[in-house]
Every structure is written in C-alpha cells, then in structure tokens.
C-alpha cells in the first residue's frame, strides 16, 4: 500500500528570526523524512513548505507551534499545497 503524500505551505509568526529557527526547522523536517524548504520573510515571519506523509507533516506542524529554544511562536498558519514529489531534500532558502 502506497503512502499518500501531503504538502503544506506554512507561515510562522512571532519571535522566529534571529533564534536559529530555520536551522532547527531543517533538522526537525529531516528527522521526520520531510522534503521542502524554509526561509525568513521581510515582515519578520518564517515561511516553509513541508511535503511527506500525513503523519510526518502533522507532527511537524505540532513542533512548529513550539519552535526552538529562544523562539516565541505567536501563530502558525498553513494551507494545503499540491505534492511535487521533489525527493527528500530540505533546504534553507533566502
């Protein structure tokens, strides 16, 4: 039985820049086997795209609500995205 992929675009708001959020998100995503990217936005938020199994994406969304030490996550919003099946790489982008 094939596992159906799920993809989400996420925006994280609060004190999420300058606290190692992107590197933390990459480590967490890689540990869950997720593909995608994470980047800082000009408005002070962090944007990300995660793709993988439903369970792994849901677990990542839960982790984002807490964030790394030093972060103060105020809001996590997500919207479904079409899975792209771009492999298992996860990168920090600009």
PDB file of N, CA and C in Angstrom:
ATOM      1  N   UNK A   1       0.847  -1.186   0.000  1.00  0.00           N
ATOM      2  CA  UNK A   1       0.000   0.000   0.000  1.00  0.00           C
ATOM      3  C   UNK A   1       0.888   1.244   0.000  1.00  0.00           C
ATOM      4  N   UNK A   2       0.641   2.142  -0.910  1.00  0.00           N
ATOM      5  CA  UNK A   2       1.433   3.363  -1.043  1.00  0.00           C
ATOM      6  C   UNK A   2       0.933   4.434  -0.085  1.00  0.00           C
ATOM      7  N   UNK A   3       1.877   5.130   0.551  1.00  0.00           N
ATOM      8  CA  UNK A   3       1.516   6.209   1.470  1.00  0.00           C
ATOM      9  C   UNK A   3       1.274   7.476   0.662  1.00  0.00           C
ATOM     10  N   UNK A   4       0.128   8.096   0.892  1.00  0.00           N
ATOM     11  CA  UNK A   4      -0.212   9.313   0.164  1.00  0.00           C
ATOM     12  C   UNK A   4       0.557  10.503   0.726  1.00  0.00           C
ATOM     13  N   UNK A   5       1.164  11.253  -0.160  1.00  0.00           N
ATOM     14  CA  UNK A   5       1.931  12.419   0.251  1.00  0.00           C
ATOM     15  C   UNK A   5       1.001  13.590   0.530  1.00  0.00           C
ATOM     16  N   UNK A   6       1.418  14.397   1.469  1.00  0.00           N
ATOM     17  CA  UNK A   6       0.698  15.627   1.802  1.00  0.00           C
ATOM     18  C   UNK A   6       1.715  16.754   1.756  1.00  0.00           C
ATOM     19  N   UNK A   7       1.299  17.908   1.297  1.00  0.00           N
ATOM     20  CA  UNK A   7       2.177  19.078   1.272  1.00  0.00           C
ATOM     21  C   UNK A   7       1.428  20.271   1.842  1.00  0.00           C
ATOM     22  N   UNK A   8       2.160  21.106   2.593  1.00  0.00           N
ATOM     23  CA  UNK A   8       1.571  22.311   3.153  1.00  0.00           C
ATOM     24  C   UNK A   8       2.547  23.469   3.031  1.00  0.00           C
ATOM     25  N   UNK A   9       1.978  24.651   2.820  1.00  0.00           N
ATOM     26  CA  UNK A   9       2.731  25.894   2.913  1.00  0.00           C
ATOM     27  C   UNK A   9       2.402  26.470   4.284  1.00  0.00           C
ATOM     28  N   UNK A  10       3.425  26.926   4.991  1.00  0.00           N
ATOM     29  CA  UNK A  10       3.248  27.353   6.376  1.00  0.00           C
ATOM     30  C   UNK A  10       3.862  28.731   6.579  1.00  0.00           C
ATOM     31  N   UNK A  11       3.227  29.511   7.437  1.00  0.00           N
ATOM     32  CA  UNK A  11       3.780  30.797   7.865  1.00  0.00           C
ATOM     33  C   UNK A  11       3.796  30.790   9.383  1.00  0.00           C
ATOM     34  N   UNK A  12       4.974  31.096   9.955  1.00  0.00           N
ATOM     35  CA  UNK A  12       5.148  31.109  11.397  1.00  0.00           C
ATOM     36  C   UNK A  12       5.433  32.538  11.816  1.00  0.00           C
ATOM     37  N   UNK A  13       4.655  33.055  12.773  1.00  0.00           N
ATOM     38  CA  UNK A  13       4.811  34.436  13.230  1.00  0.00           C
ATOM     39  C   UNK A  13       5.199  34.458  14.703  1.00  0.00           C
ATOM     40  N   UNK A  14       5.825  35.548  15.102  1.00  0.00           N
ATOM     41  CA  UNK A  14       6.275  35.731  16.475  1.00  0.00           C
ATOM     42  C   UNK A  14       7.756  36.073  16.469  1.00  0.00           C
ATOM     43  N   UNK A  15       8.450  35.736  17.549  1.00  0.00           N
ATOM     44  CA  UNK A  15       9.902  35.925  17.578  1.00  0.00           C
ATOM     45  C   UNK A  15      10.523  34.664  16.977  1.00  0.00           C
ATOM     46  N   UNK A  16      10.665  34.680  15.652  1.00  0.00           N
ATOM     47  CA  UNK A  16      11.109  33.487  14.939  1.00  0.00           C
ATOM     48  C   UNK A  16      12.319  33.741  14.041  1.00  0.00           C
ATOM     49  N   UNK A  17      12.811  34.975  14.016  1.00  0.00           N
ATOM     50  CA  UNK A  17      14.044  35.270  13.273  1.00  0.00           C
ATOM     51  C   UNK A  17      15.127  35.623  14.279  1.00  0.00           C
ATOM     52  N   UNK A  18      16.352  35.220  13.985  1.00  0.00           N
ATOM     53  CA  UNK A  18      17.470  35.504  14.866  1.00  0.00           C
ATOM     54  C   UNK A  18      17.569  34.547  16.053  1.00  0.00           C
ATOM     55  N   UNK A  19      16.826  33.444  15.998  1.00  0.00           N
ATOM     56  CA  UNK A  19      16.831  32.467  17.089  1.00  0.00           C
ATOM     57  C   UNK A  19      17.176  31.061  16.593  1.00  0.00           C
ATOM     58  N   UNK A  20      17.686  30.954  15.362  1.00  0.00           N
ATOM     59  CA  UNK A  20      18.036  29.645  14.804  1.00  0.00           C
ATOM     60  C   UNK A  20      16.846  28.837  14.332  1.00  0.00           C
ATOM     61  N   UNK A  21      15.742  29.522  14.038  1.00  0.00           N
ATOM     62  CA  UNK A  21      14.511  28.822  13.667  1.00  0.00           C
ATOM     63  C   UNK A  21      14.661  28.006  12.390  1.00  0.00           C
ATOM     64  N   UNK A  22      15.290  28.587  11.369  1.00  0.00           N
ATOM     65  CA  UNK A  22      15.406  27.876  10.083  1.00  0.00           C
ATOM     66  C   UNK A  22      16.247  26.613  10.206  1.00  0.00           C
ATOM     67  N   UNK A  23      17.384  26.712  10.882  1.00  0.00           N
ATOM     68  CA  UNK A  23      18.243  25.530  11.055  1.00  0.00           C
ATOM     69  C   UNK A  23      17.526  24.464  11.880  1.00  0.00           C
ATOM     70  N   UNK A  24      16.817  24.901  12.909  1.00  0.00           N
ATOM     71  CA  UNK A  24      16.042  23.968  13.734  1.00  0.00           C
ATOM     72  C   UNK A  24      14.959  23.287  12.887  1.00  0.00           C
ATOM     73  N   UNK A  25      14.235  24.079  12.077  1.00  0.00           N
ATOM     74  CA  UNK A  25      13.162  23.525  11.245  1.00  0.00           C
ATOM     75  C   UNK A  25      13.721  22.513  10.249  1.00  0.00           C
ATOM     76  N   UNK A  26      14.897  22.807   9.686  1.00  0.00           N
ATOM     77  CA  UNK A  26      15.506  21.861   8.748  1.00  0.00           C
ATOM     78  C   UNK A  26      15.841  20.552   9.460  1.00  0.00           C
ATOM     79  N   UNK A  27      16.439  20.626  10.632  1.00  0.00           N
ATOM     80  CA  UNK A  27      16.774  19.398  11.379  1.00  0.00           C
ATOM     81  C   UNK A  27      15.525  18.594  11.705  1.00  0.00           C
ATOM     82  N   UNK A  28      14.485  19.280  12.169  1.00  0.00           N
ATOM     83  CA  UNK A  28      13.235  18.590  12.514  1.00  0.00           C
ATOM     84  C   UNK A  28      12.605  17.944  11.276  1.00  0.00           C
ATOM     85  N   UNK A  29      12.579  18.675  10.171  1.00  0.00           N
ATOM     86  CA  UNK A  29      11.994  18.151   8.935  1.00  0.00           C
ATOM     87  C   UNK A  29      12.775  16.938   8.438  1.00  0.00           C
ATOM     88  N   UNK A  30      14.101  17.026   8.466  1.00  0.00           N
ATOM     89  CA  UNK A  30      14.924  15.906   8.023  1.00  0.00           C
ATOM     90  C   UNK A  30      14.703  14.685   8.912  1.00  0.00           C
ATOM     91  N   UNK A  31      14.583  14.906  10.218  1.00  0.00           N
ATOM     92  CA  UNK A  31      14.353  13.797  11.144  1.00  0.00           C
ATOM     93  C   UNK A  31      13.019  13.102  10.865  1.00  0.00           C
ATOM     94  N   UNK A  32      12.051  13.850  10.355  1.00  0.00           N
ATOM     95  CA  UNK A  32      10.737  13.289  10.029  1.00  0.00           C
ATOM     96  C   UNK A  32      10.654  12.790   8.583  1.00  0.00           C
ATOM     97  N   UNK A  33      11.732  12.939   7.824  1.00  0.00           N
ATOM     98  CA  UNK A  33      11.739  12.485   6.432  1.00  0.00           C
ATOM     99  C   UNK A  33      10.966  13.383   5.489  1.00  0.00           C
ATOM    100  N   UNK A  34      10.859  14.663   5.829  1.00  0.00           N
ATOM    101  CA  UNK A  34      10.094  15.594   5.003  1.00  0.00           C
ATOM    102  C   UNK A  34      10.983  16.293   3.984  1.00  0.00           C
ATOM    103  N   UNK A  35      10.412  16.616   2.848  1.00  0.00           N
ATOM    104  CA  UNK A  35      11.074  17.421   1.824  1.00  0.00           C
ATOM    105  C   UNK A  35      10.527  18.837   1.924  1.00  0.00           C
ATOM    106  N   UNK A  36      11.275  19.794   1.353  1.00  0.00           N
ATOM    107  CA  UNK A  36      10.759  21.154   1.302  1.00  0.00           C
ATOM    108  C   UNK A  36      11.814  22.202   1.532  1.00  0.00           C
ATOM    109  N   UNK A  37      11.369  23.345   2.081  1.00  0.00           N
ATOM    110  CA  UNK A  37      12.253  24.485   2.297  1.00  0.00           C
ATOM    111  C   UNK A  37      11.722  25.345   3.440  1.00  0.00           C
ATOM    112  N   UNK A  38      12.613  26.222   3.926  1.00  0.00           N
ATOM    113  CA  UNK A  38      12.237  27.193   4.961  1.00  0.00           C
ATOM    114  C   UNK A  38      13.016  28.474   4.684  1.00  0.00           C
ATOM    115  N   UNK A  39      12.379  29.623   4.924  1.00  0.00           N
ATOM    116  CA  UNK A  39      13.051  30.905   4.677  1.00  0.00           C
ATOM    117  C   UNK A  39      12.485  31.994   5.576  1.00  0.00           C
ATOM    118  N   UNK A  40      13.317  33.020   5.822  1.00  0.00           N
ATOM    119  CA  UNK A  40      12.867  34.215   6.522  1.00  0.00           C
ATOM    120  C   UNK A  40      12.116  35.100   5.538  1.00  0.00           C
ATOM    121  N   UNK A  41      11.106  35.790   6.032  1.00  0.00           N
ATOM    122  CA  UNK A  41      10.347  36.738   5.232  1.00  0.00           C
ATOM    123  C   UNK A  41      10.663  38.161   5.702  1.00  0.00           C
ATOM    124  N   UNK A  42      10.478  39.126   4.825  1.00  0.00           N
ATOM    125  CA  UNK A  42      10.793  40.526   5.131  1.00  0.00           C
ATOM    126  C   UNK A  42       9.970  41.075   6.295  1.00  0.00           C
ATOM    127  N   UNK A  43       8.781  40.523   6.536  1.00  0.00           N
ATOM    128  CA  UNK A  43       7.918  41.020   7.608  1.00  0.00           C
ATOM    129  C   UNK A  43       8.261  40.439   8.984  1.00  0.00           C
ATOM    130  N   UNK A  44       9.330  39.638   9.065  1.00  0.00           N
ATOM    131  CA  UNK A  44       9.737  39.058  10.341  1.00  0.00           C
ATOM    132  C   UNK A  44       9.211  37.658  10.588  1.00  0.00           C
ATOM    133  N   UNK A  45       8.371  37.166   9.705  1.00  0.00           N
ATOM    134  CA  UNK A  45       7.855  35.804   9.849  1.00  0.00           C
ATOM    135  C   UNK A  45       8.805  34.822   9.166  1.00  0.00           C
ATOM    136  N   UNK A  46       8.500  33.547   9.298  1.00  0.00           N
ATOM    137  CA  UNK A  46       9.225  32.483   8.605  1.00  0.00           C
ATOM    138  C   UNK A  46       8.205  31.741   7.756  1.00  0.00           C
ATOM    139  N   UNK A  47       8.561  31.473   6.503  1.00  0.00           N
ATOM    140  CA  UNK A  47       7.712  30.699   5.603  1.00  0.00           C
ATOM    141  C   UNK A  47       8.382  29.355   5.355  1.00  0.00           C
ATOM    142  N   UNK A  48       7.572  28.324   5.130  1.00  0.00           N
ATOM    143  CA  UNK A  48       8.125  26.999   4.885  1.00  0.00           C
ATOM    144  C   UNK A  48       7.147  26.172   4.056  1.00  0.00           C
ATOM    145  N   UNK A  49       7.697  25.145   3.436  1.00  0.00           N
ATOM    146  CA  UNK A  49       6.892  24.167   2.707  1.00  0.00           C
ATOM    147  C   UNK A  49       7.362  22.796   3.140  1.00  0.00           C
ATOM    148  N   UNK A  50       6.435  21.967   3.556  1.00  0.00           N
ATOM    149  CA  UNK A  50       6.753  20.618   4.002  1.00  0.00           C
ATOM    150  C   UNK A  50       5.963  19.622   3.168  1.00  0.00           C
ATOM    151  N   UNK A  51       6.631  18.557   2.765  1.00  0.00           N
ATOM    152  CA  UNK A  51       5.968  17.513   1.990  1.00  0.00           C
ATOM    153  C   UNK A  51       6.422  16.156   2.498  1.00  0.00           C
ATOM    154  N   UNK A  52       5.460  15.289   2.711  1.00  0.00           N
ATOM    155  CA  UNK A  52       5.753  13.934   3.167  1.00  0.00           C
ATOM    156  C   UNK A  52       4.469  13.232   3.549  1.00  0.00           C
ATOM    157  N   UNK A  53       4.589  12.237   4.413  1.00  0.00           N
ATOM    158  CA  UNK A  53       3.402  11.505   4.842  1.00  0.00           C
ATOM    159  C   UNK A  53       2.515  12.409   5.699  1.00  0.00           C
ATOM    160  N   UNK A  54       1.243  12.088   5.729  1.00  0.00           N
ATOM    161  CA  UNK A  54       0.283  12.841   6.548  1.00  0.00           C
ATOM    162  C   UNK A  54       0.759  12.915   7.990  1.00  0.00           C
ATOM    163  N   UNK A  55       1.192  11.793   8.541  1.00  0.00           N
ATOM    164  CA  UNK A  55       1.625  11.751   9.935  1.00  0.00           C
ATOM    165  C   UNK A  55       2.837  12.650  10.170  1.00  0.00           C
ATOM    166  N   UNK A  56       3.827  12.599   9.279  1.00  0.00           N
ATOM    167  CA  UNK A  56       5.029  13.414   9.455  1.00  0.00           C
ATOM    168  C   UNK A  56       4.728  14.899   9.321  1.00  0.00           C
ATOM    169  N   UNK A  57       3.893  15.266   8.376  1.00  0.00           N
ATOM    170  CA  UNK A  57       3.520  16.674   8.212  1.00  0.00           C
ATOM    171  C   UNK A  57       2.772  17.159   9.454  1.00  0.00           C
ATOM    172  N   UNK A  58       1.849  16.359   9.957  1.00  0.00           N
ATOM    173  CA  UNK A  58       1.106  16.738  11.165  1.00  0.00           C
ATOM    174  C   UNK A  58       2.044  16.891  12.366  1.00  0.00           C
ATOM    175  N   UNK A  59       3.011  15.992  12.496  1.00  0.00           N
ATOM    176  CA  UNK A  59       3.969  16.087  13.598  1.00  0.00           C
ATOM    177  C   UNK A  59       4.803  17.360  13.473  1.00  0.00           C
ATOM    178  N   UNK A  60       5.209  17.704  12.238  1.00  0.00           N
ATOM    179  CA  UNK A  60       5.995  18.918  12.035  1.00  0.00           C
ATOM    180  C   UNK A  60       5.179  20.151  12.393  1.00  0.00           C
ATOM    181  N   UNK A  61       3.921  20.181  12.006  1.00  0.00           N
ATOM    182  CA  UNK A  61       3.065  21.317  12.341  1.00  0.00           C
ATOM    183  C   UNK A  61       2.964  21.489  13.858  1.00  0.00           C
ATOM    184  N   UNK A  62       2.889  20.393  14.576  1.00  0.00           N
ATOM    185  CA  UNK A  62       2.853  20.461  16.028  1.00  0.00           C
ATOM    186  C   UNK A  62       4.153  21.008  16.600  1.00  0.00           C
ATOM    187  N   UNK A  63       5.276  20.590  16.044  1.00  0.00           N
ATOM    188  CA  UNK A  63       6.579  21.066  16.516  1.00  0.00           C
ATOM    189  C   UNK A  63       6.760  22.555  16.220  1.00  0.00           C
ATOM    190  N   UNK A  64       6.234  23.014  15.098  1.00  0.00           N
ATOM    191  CA  UNK A  64       6.363  24.423  14.742  1.00  0.00           C
ATOM    192  C   UNK A  64       5.659  25.323  15.746  1.00  0.00           C
ATOM    193  N   UNK A  65       4.604  24.836  16.364  1.00  0.00           N
ATOM    194  CA  UNK A  65       3.863  25.641  17.335  1.00  0.00           C
ATOM    195  C   UNK A  65       4.687  25.900  18.598  1.00  0.00           C
ATOM    196  N   UNK A  66       5.715  25.089  18.821  1.00  0.00           N
ATOM    197  CA  UNK A  66       6.603  25.257  19.980  1.00  0.00           C
ATOM    198  C   UNK A  66       7.879  25.974  19.558  1.00  0.00           C
ATOM    199  N   UNK A  67       8.512  25.496  18.478  1.00  0.00           N
ATOM    200  CA  UNK A  67       9.729  26.115  17.975  1.00  0.00           C
ATOM    201  C   UNK A  67      10.947  25.764  18.808  1.00  0.00           C
ATOM    202  N   UNK A  68      12.089  26.294  18.412  1.00  0.00           N
ATOM    203  CA  UNK A  68      13.335  26.017  19.128  1.00  0.00           C
ATOM    204  C   UNK A  68      13.451  26.895  20.373  1.00  0.00           C
ATOM    205  N   UNK A  69      14.403  26.570  21.256  1.00  0.00           N
ATOM    206  CA  UNK A  69      14.646  27.450  22.409  1.00  0.00           C
ATOM    207  C   UNK A  69      14.961  28.864  21.915  1.00  0.00           C
ATOM    208  N   UNK A  70      14.418  29.856  22.573  1.00  0.00           N
ATOM    209  CA  UNK A  70      14.649  31.245  22.176  1.00  0.00           C
ATOM    210  C   UNK A  70      13.555  31.809  21.298  1.00  0.00           C
ATOM    211  N   UNK A  71      12.783  30.950  20.674  1.00  0.00           N
ATOM    212  CA  UNK A  71      11.676  31.415  19.829  1.00  0.00           C
ATOM    213  C   UNK A  71      10.439  31.646  20.696  1.00  0.00           C
ATOM    214  N   UNK A  72       9.578  32.507  20.206  1.00  0.00           N
ATOM    215  CA  UNK A  72       8.275  32.725  20.834  1.00  0.00           C
ATOM    216  C   UNK A  72       7.252  32.726  19.707  1.00  0.00           C
ATOM    217  N   UNK A  73       6.727  31.550  19.400  1.00  0.00           N
ATOM    218  CA  UNK A  73       5.795  31.395  18.285  1.00  0.00           C
ATOM    219  C   UNK A  73       4.431  31.941  18.697  1.00  0.00           C
ATOM    220  N   UNK A  74       3.939  32.908  17.934  1.00  0.00           N
ATOM    221  CA  UNK A  74       2.642  33.516  18.213  1.00  0.00           C
ATOM    222  C   UNK A  74       1.535  32.881  17.370  1.00  0.00           C
ATOM    223  N   UNK A  75       1.882  32.478  16.140  1.00  0.00           N
ATOM    224  CA  UNK A  75       0.856  31.964  15.232  1.00  0.00           C
ATOM    225  C   UNK A  75       1.494  31.081  14.176  1.00  0.00           C
ATOM    226  N   UNK A  76       0.835  29.972  13.863  1.00  0.00           N
ATOM    227  CA  UNK A  76       1.235  29.092  12.767  1.00  0.00           C
ATOM    228  C   UNK A  76       0.012  28.932  11.877  1.00  0.00           C
ATOM    229  N   UNK A  77       0.129  29.362  10.627  1.00  0.00           N
ATOM    230  CA  UNK A  77      -0.973  29.170   9.684  1.00  0.00           C
ATOM    231  C   UNK A  77      -0.474  28.298   8.550  1.00  0.00           C
ATOM    232  N   UNK A  78      -1.350  27.437   8.052  1.00  0.00           N
ATOM    233  CA  UNK A  78      -0.947  26.534   6.973  1.00  0.00           C
ATOM    234  C   UNK A  78      -2.061  26.399   5.954  1.00  0.00           C
ATOM    235  N   UNK A  79      -1.653  26.107   4.743  1.00  0.00           N
ATOM    236  CA  UNK A  79      -2.615  25.825   3.682  1.00  0.00           C
ATOM    237  C   UNK A  79      -2.094  24.666   2.863  1.00  0.00           C
ATOM    238  N   UNK A  80      -3.017  23.860   2.387  1.00  0.00           N
ATOM    239  CA  UNK A  80      -2.637  22.703   1.592  1.00  0.00           C
ATOM    240  C   UNK A  80      -1.971  23.145   0.293  1.00  0.00           C
ATOM    241  N   UNK A  81      -1.026  22.347  -0.155  1.00  0.00           N
ATOM    242  CA  UNK A  81      -0.316  22.587  -1.401  1.00  0.00           C
ATOM    243  C   UNK A  81      -0.289  21.268  -2.164  1.00  0.00           C
ATOM    244  N   UNK A  82      -0.082  21.349  -3.445  1.00  0.00           N
ATOM    245  CA  UNK A  82      -0.017  20.132  -4.246  1.00  0.00           C
ATOM    246  C   UNK A  82       1.347  19.463  -4.056  1.00  0.00           C
ATOM    247  N   UNK A  83       1.375  18.181  -3.702  1.00  0.00           N
ATOM    248  CA  UNK A  83       2.655  17.486  -3.579  1.00  0.00           C
ATOM    249  C   UNK A  83       3.415  17.528  -4.902  1.00  0.00           C
ATOM    250  N   UNK A  84       4.720  17.769  -4.808  1.00  0.00           N
ATOM    251  CA  UNK A  84       5.549  17.892  -6.011  1.00  0.00           C
ATOM    252  C   UNK A  84       6.483  16.714  -6.203  1.00  0.00           C
ATOM    253  N   UNK A  85       6.620  15.862  -5.190  1.00  0.00           N
ATOM    254  CA  UNK A  85       7.499  14.695  -5.255  1.00  0.00           C
ATOM    255  C   UNK A  85       8.890  15.088  -5.732  1.00  0.00           C
ATOM    256  N   UNK A  86       9.496  16.043  -5.026  1.00  0.00           N
ATOM    257  CA  UNK A  86      10.808  16.552  -5.405  1.00  0.00           C
ATOM    258  C   UNK A  86      11.941  15.877  -4.655  1.00  0.00           C
ATOM    259  N   UNK A  87      11.700  14.673  -4.169  1.00  0.00           N
ATOM    260  CA  UNK A  87      12.755  13.976  -3.445  1.00  0.00           C
ATOM    261  C   UNK A  87      12.660  14.246  -1.950  1.00  0.00           C
ATOM    262  N   UNK A  88      13.742  13.964  -1.252  1.00  0.00           N
ATOM    263  CA  UNK A  88      13.708  14.073   0.191  1.00  0.00           C
ATOM    264  C   UNK A  88      14.556  15.212   0.727  1.00  0.00           C
ATOM    265  N   UNK A  89      14.988  16.113  -0.144  1.00  0.00           N
ATOM    266  CA  UNK A  89      15.831  17.216   0.311  1.00  0.00           C
ATOM    267  C   UNK A  89      15.045  18.285   1.031  1.00  0.00           C
ATOM    268  N   UNK A  90      15.690  18.898   2.018  1.00  0.00           N
ATOM    269  CA  UNK A  90      15.077  20.022   2.720  1.00  0.00           C
ATOM    270  C   UNK A  90      16.124  21.108   2.826  1.00  0.00           C
ATOM    271  N   UNK A  91      15.806  22.305   2.350  1.00  0.00           N
ATOM    272  CA  UNK A  91      16.797  23.364   2.308  1.00  0.00           C
ATOM    273  C   UNK A  91      16.335  24.643   2.975  1.00  0.00           C
ATOM    274  N   UNK A  92      17.335  25.415   3.394  1.00  0.00           N
ATOM    275  CA  UNK A  92      17.100  26.777   3.860  1.00  0.00           C
ATOM    276  C   UNK A  92      17.304  27.663   2.651  1.00  0.00           C
ATOM    277  N   UNK A  93      16.296  28.462   2.308  1.00  0.00           N
ATOM    278  CA  UNK A  93      16.410  29.355   1.145  1.00  0.00           C
ATOM    279  C   UNK A  93      16.365  30.790   1.615  1.00  0.00           C
ATOM    280  N   UNK A  94      16.608  31.713   0.713  1.00  0.00           N
ATOM    281  CA  UNK A  94      16.601  33.126   1.068  1.00  0.00           C
ATOM    282  C   UNK A  94      15.228  33.737   0.934  1.00  0.00           C
TER     283      UNK A  94
END
